[in-house]
Amino acid sequence: RDYHGPICWNYGCLPQTWEDPTEEHPELKVFGDDDPIDVVEIGSKALDMGTVTPVKVLGVLAMIDDGELDWKVVAVSVDDPLAAEYNDIDDVPEAVKAGIREWFRWYKTPDDKPLNGFGFDEKFLDVAATVKVIEETHEAWKKLREGKTEAGKLWTGV
């Protein structure tokens, strides 16, 4: 996907996860955005488009996009030198976290869409909370694949 302006990180998704649009988040009171979880990989090199890369999860940001929950997992490639330094979101420099948050706040405005908001007082959640989000969205994906959740217009391959 092309974006307006540069991105200073690699952007992809976690396979076998799904943000269920029928499931309301108990604290944020918004529903999933009907997509896999997005991943912001903050390593020191650009990855080729379509690359499948093992990552070390560091934290997650709860973006609210047009009233839908759109998780943004922050991670680093396990092969990147920064993986030895970063073990949780608090290890990531504040300038990097602020840059990620502000880019996602503004990135749709060139298309005349409103600013995005964020849950949890705009704070990144730690690794433990991130793992919980990944586990929950993986379970949602499994239910979708097993036909236990309405797929809507999604093709699930079954």
Protein backbone atom coordinates (compact mmCIF):
# COMPACT_ATOMS: atom_id res chain seq x y z
CA ARG A 1 0.00 0.00 0.00
CA ASP A 2 1.25 3.47 -0.78
CA TYR A 3 1.11 6.23 1.83
CA HIS A 4 1.44 9.98 1.65
CA GLY A 5 5.00 10.71 2.67
CA PRO A 6 7.77 8.52 4.07
CA ILE A 7 7.52 5.85 6.75
CA CYS A 8 10.60 5.39 8.93
CA TRP A 9 9.86 1.75 9.78
CA ASN A 10 8.66 -1.47 8.20
CA TYR A 11 4.89 -1.95 8.23
CA GLY A 12 3.07 -5.24 7.95
CA CYS A 13 0.76 -7.56 9.84
CA LEU A 14 0.78 -10.60 12.10
CA PRO A 15 -0.61 -13.60 10.24
CA GLN A 16 -3.33 -15.69 11.85
CA THR A 17 -4.74 -12.77 13.83
CA TRP A 18 -8.03 -10.95 13.25
CA GLU A 19 -9.64 -7.94 14.89
CA ASP A 20 -13.26 -9.12 15.14
CA PRO A 21 -15.74 -6.40 14.09
CA THR A 22 -18.48 -8.07 16.15
CA GLU A 23 -16.47 -8.07 19.40
CA GLU A 24 -16.53 -4.95 21.57
CA HIS A 25 -13.36 -4.24 23.54
CA PRO A 26 -14.41 -4.24 27.23
CA GLU A 27 -12.48 -1.09 28.19
CA LEU A 28 -12.35 0.92 24.97
CA LYS A 29 -15.96 0.19 23.93
CA VAL A 30 -15.09 -0.06 20.23
CA PHE A 31 -15.15 -2.99 17.83
CA GLY A 32 -12.30 -4.54 15.81
CA ASP A 33 -11.48 -3.26 12.33
CA ASP A 34 -11.94 -6.61 10.48
CA ASP A 35 -8.21 -6.96 9.71
CA PRO A 36 -5.15 -8.78 11.02
CA ILE A 37 -3.06 -6.95 13.65
CA ASP A 38 -0.71 -4.39 12.13
CA VAL A 39 3.00 -4.52 12.97
CA VAL A 40 5.44 -1.62 13.04
CA GLU A 41 8.91 -3.17 12.80
CA ILE A 42 11.47 -0.62 14.05
CA GLY A 43 14.70 -2.40 13.14
CA SER A 44 17.70 -0.71 11.56
CA LYS A 45 17.14 -1.87 7.96
CA ALA A 46 14.38 -1.67 5.38
CA LEU A 47 12.76 -5.01 4.58
CA ASP A 48 11.60 -5.91 1.08
CA MET A 49 7.86 -5.75 0.50
CA GLY A 50 6.28 -9.14 1.16
CA THR A 51 9.08 -10.31 3.45
CA VAL A 52 8.08 -12.72 6.20
CA THR A 53 10.23 -11.85 9.19
CA PRO A 54 10.29 -13.30 12.72
CA VAL A 55 9.97 -10.44 15.19
CA LYS A 56 10.39 -9.74 18.88
CA VAL A 57 7.25 -8.07 20.23
CA LEU A 58 7.87 -4.92 22.31
CA GLY A 59 4.49 -3.24 22.85
CA VAL A 60 1.19 -2.23 21.31
CA LEU A 61 -0.77 0.96 20.63
CA ALA A 62 -4.58 0.94 20.55
CA MET A 63 -5.44 3.18 17.61
CA ILE A 64 -9.07 4.17 17.12
CA ASP A 65 -9.67 4.65 13.40
CA ASP A 66 -13.14 5.82 12.38
CA GLY A 67 -14.56 4.31 15.58
CA GLU A 68 -12.83 0.94 15.11
CA LEU A 69 -10.01 -0.61 17.14
CA ASP A 70 -6.86 -1.02 15.04
CA TRP A 71 -4.01 -2.44 17.14
CA LYS A 72 -0.46 -1.41 16.18
CA VAL A 73 2.14 -3.86 17.51
CA VAL A 74 5.65 -2.46 17.83
CA ALA A 75 8.33 -5.08 17.21
CA VAL A 76 11.90 -5.55 16.06
CA SER A 77 13.28 -8.23 13.76
CA VAL A 78 14.93 -10.97 15.82
CA ASP A 79 17.99 -10.67 13.56
CA ASP A 80 18.37 -6.92 14.06
CA PRO A 81 21.09 -5.64 16.44
CA LEU A 82 18.41 -3.63 18.30
CA ALA A 83 16.77 -6.91 19.37
CA ALA A 84 19.56 -7.30 21.92
CA GLU A 85 18.79 -3.86 23.41
CA TYR A 86 14.99 -3.77 23.26
CA ASN A 87 12.97 -6.12 25.45
CA ASP A 88 9.86 -4.03 26.22
CA ILE A 89 8.27 -0.82 25.02
CA ASP A 90 10.03 1.21 27.73
CA ASP A 91 13.36 0.33 26.05
CA VAL A 92 12.26 2.09 22.84
CA PRO A 93 13.27 5.77 22.75
CA GLU A 94 10.42 8.18 23.42
CA ALA A 95 11.09 9.97 20.13
CA VAL A 96 10.49 6.73 18.22
CA LYS A 97 7.24 6.03 20.07
CA ALA A 98 6.03 9.60 19.59
CA GLY A 99 6.90 9.44 15.90
CA ILE A 100 4.88 6.26 15.45
CA ARG A 101 1.88 7.62 17.34
CA GLU A 102 1.87 10.95 15.51
CA TRP A 103 2.31 9.38 12.09
CA PHE A 104 -0.73 7.17 12.72
CA ARG A 105 -2.68 10.11 14.11
CA TRP A 106 -2.24 12.11 10.90
CA TYR A 107 -1.68 9.61 8.07
CA LYS A 108 -5.21 9.62 6.66
CA THR A 109 -5.75 13.38 6.71
CA PRO A 110 -4.43 13.92 3.13
CA ASP A 111 -7.48 11.87 2.06
CA ASP A 112 -9.79 14.29 3.94
CA LYS A 113 -10.30 11.82 6.79
CA PRO A 114 -10.24 12.90 10.44
CA LEU A 115 -7.35 12.50 12.85
CA ASN A 116 -7.10 9.08 14.47
CA GLY A 117 -7.33 8.72 18.24
CA PHE A 118 -5.83 6.27 20.70
CA GLY A 119 -7.03 4.34 23.70
CA PHE A 120 -5.33 3.96 27.07
CA ASP A 121 -4.46 7.68 27.29
CA GLU A 122 -2.41 7.36 24.09
CA LYS A 123 0.13 5.14 25.87
CA PHE A 124 1.82 2.07 24.42
CA LEU A 125 1.06 -1.08 26.38
CA ASP A 126 3.87 -3.39 27.53
CA VAL A 127 4.90 -6.83 26.23
CA ALA A 128 2.58 -8.73 28.57
CA ALA A 129 -0.46 -6.76 27.38
CA THR A 130 0.71 -7.13 23.77
CA VAL A 131 0.95 -10.90 24.07
CA LYS A 132 -2.61 -10.93 25.46
CA VAL A 133 -3.84 -8.89 22.46
CA ILE A 134 -2.07 -11.27 20.07
CA GLU A 135 -3.54 -14.32 21.83
CA GLU A 136 -7.07 -12.83 21.77
CA THR A 137 -6.89 -11.91 18.10
CA HIS A 138 -5.42 -15.32 17.24
CA GLU A 139 -8.39 -16.96 18.97
CA ALA A 140 -10.73 -14.69 16.97
CA TRP A 141 -8.94 -15.77 13.78
CA LYS A 142 -9.33 -19.45 14.71
CA LYS A 143 -13.08 -18.97 15.30
CA LEU A 144 -13.35 -17.20 11.96
CA ARG A 145 -11.52 -20.04 10.16
CA GLU A 146 -13.63 -22.68 11.92
CA GLY A 147 -16.84 -20.95 10.85
CA LYS A 148 -17.81 -20.09 14.44
CA THR A 149 -17.83 -16.37 13.58
CA GLU A 150 -19.64 -14.78 10.64
CA ALA A 151 -17.08 -13.98 7.95
CA GLY A 152 -19.12 -11.26 6.26
CA LYS A 153 -17.43 -10.41 2.99
CA LEU A 154 -14.10 -12.00 3.96
CA TRP A 155 -12.89 -15.03 2.06
CA THR A 156 -11.54 -17.51 4.61
CA GLY A 157 -10.43 -20.26 2.26
CA VAL A 158 -12.70 -22.89 3.82
